[in-house]
Protein backbone atom coordinates (compact mmCIF):
# COMPACT_ATOMS: atom_id res chain seq x y z
CA UNK A 1 -0.29 0.06 -0.20
CA UNK A 2 0.91 3.60 -0.75
CA UNK A 3 -0.23 6.45 1.59
CA UNK A 4 1.72 9.68 1.78
CA UNK A 5 5.33 9.45 0.44
CA UNK A 6 5.14 5.66 2.41
CA UNK A 7 5.10 2.51 1.25
CA UNK A 8 3.94 -0.01 4.05
CA UNK A 9 2.40 -3.91 4.16
CA UNK A 10 -0.80 -4.72 5.82
CA UNK A 11 -0.85 -8.21 6.90
CA UNK A 12 -4.56 -8.90 8.07
CA UNK A 13 -6.04 -10.62 11.12
CA UNK A 14 -2.82 -12.26 12.59
CA UNK A 15 -4.13 -13.63 16.05
CA UNK A 16 -1.77 -12.43 19.10
CA UNK A 17 -0.13 -15.44 20.05
CA UNK A 18 1.52 -14.72 16.17
CA UNK A 19 2.81 -11.86 16.27
CA UNK A 20 5.93 -12.88 15.78
CA UNK A 21 5.76 -15.36 12.62
CA UNK A 22 7.43 -13.78 10.01
CA UNK A 23 6.48 -12.80 6.97
CA UNK A 24 8.55 -12.37 3.88
CA UNK A 25 7.43 -9.34 2.02
CA UNK A 26 8.98 -8.83 -2.11
CA UNK A 27 8.56 -5.55 -3.44
CA UNK A 28 9.39 -4.86 -6.90
CA UNK A 29 11.47 -1.96 -7.74
CA UNK A 30 10.69 -1.05 -11.68
CA UNK A 31 13.09 -1.93 -13.83
CA UNK A 32 15.97 -2.02 -11.13
CA UNK A 33 15.01 -5.93 -9.87
CA UNK A 34 12.76 -6.60 -6.10
CA UNK A 35 13.85 -6.19 -2.79
CA UNK A 36 12.53 -8.79 -0.07
CA UNK A 37 12.60 -8.95 3.59
CA UNK A 38 11.70 -10.94 6.41
CA UNK A 39 9.73 -9.71 9.25
CA UNK A 40 6.92 -9.56 11.35
CA UNK A 41 4.75 -7.12 13.60
CA UNK A 42 7.19 -7.43 15.88
CA UNK A 43 9.87 -5.82 13.91
CA UNK A 44 7.99 -2.99 13.66
CA UNK A 45 7.86 -2.98 17.94
CA UNK A 46 11.76 -3.47 18.36
CA UNK A 47 13.08 -0.66 15.82
CA UNK A 48 10.41 1.85 17.30
CA UNK A 49 11.53 0.26 21.25
CA UNK A 50 15.25 0.45 20.01
CA UNK A 51 15.88 4.34 20.20
CA UNK A 52 14.76 6.18 23.59
CA UNK A 53 11.97 8.80 22.81
CA UNK A 54 12.25 12.01 22.38
CA UNK A 55 9.15 13.33 22.35
CA UNK A 56 5.47 12.50 23.36
CA UNK A 57 4.31 11.09 20.28
CA UNK A 58 7.25 8.82 20.77
CA UNK A 59 6.29 7.97 24.12
CA UNK A 60 3.04 6.94 23.31
CA UNK A 61 4.06 4.90 20.21
CA UNK A 62 6.92 2.93 22.73
CA UNK A 63 3.72 2.63 25.01
CA UNK A 64 1.72 0.71 22.51
CA UNK A 65 4.60 -1.35 21.24
CA UNK A 66 5.46 -2.58 24.48
CA UNK A 67 0.80 -3.26 25.04
CA UNK A 68 1.36 -5.19 22.47
CA UNK A 69 4.71 -7.09 23.11
CA UNK A 70 3.20 -7.95 26.04
CA UNK A 71 -0.27 -9.00 24.89
CA UNK A 72 1.88 -11.26 22.30
CA UNK A 73 3.55 -12.95 25.54
CA UNK A 74 0.33 -13.38 27.08
CA UNK A 75 -1.83 -14.85 24.17
CA UNK A 76 1.29 -17.28 24.03
CA UNK A 77 1.37 -18.20 27.74
CA UNK A 78 -2.29 -18.61 27.84
CA UNK A 79 -1.83 -21.46 25.68
CA UNK A 80 0.86 -22.81 26.91
CA UNK A 81 3.42 -22.13 23.93
């Protein structure tokens, strides 16, 4: 998908225990070939949490990513994984 000046991938209906499951995403780069990336929903959380937040928007995003990770962990524990 494309929004503004960014491209992004949307993987719908990912269950909480599966947020760490990797997906291979391939983007065609016109006549220059393609790019293949392996990532999961938690890849974005890791990137967000890698650096210390510097403003209120980043603090809120980091808090959301921590919540998503904790939700994932709790779901795995509840399923005995």
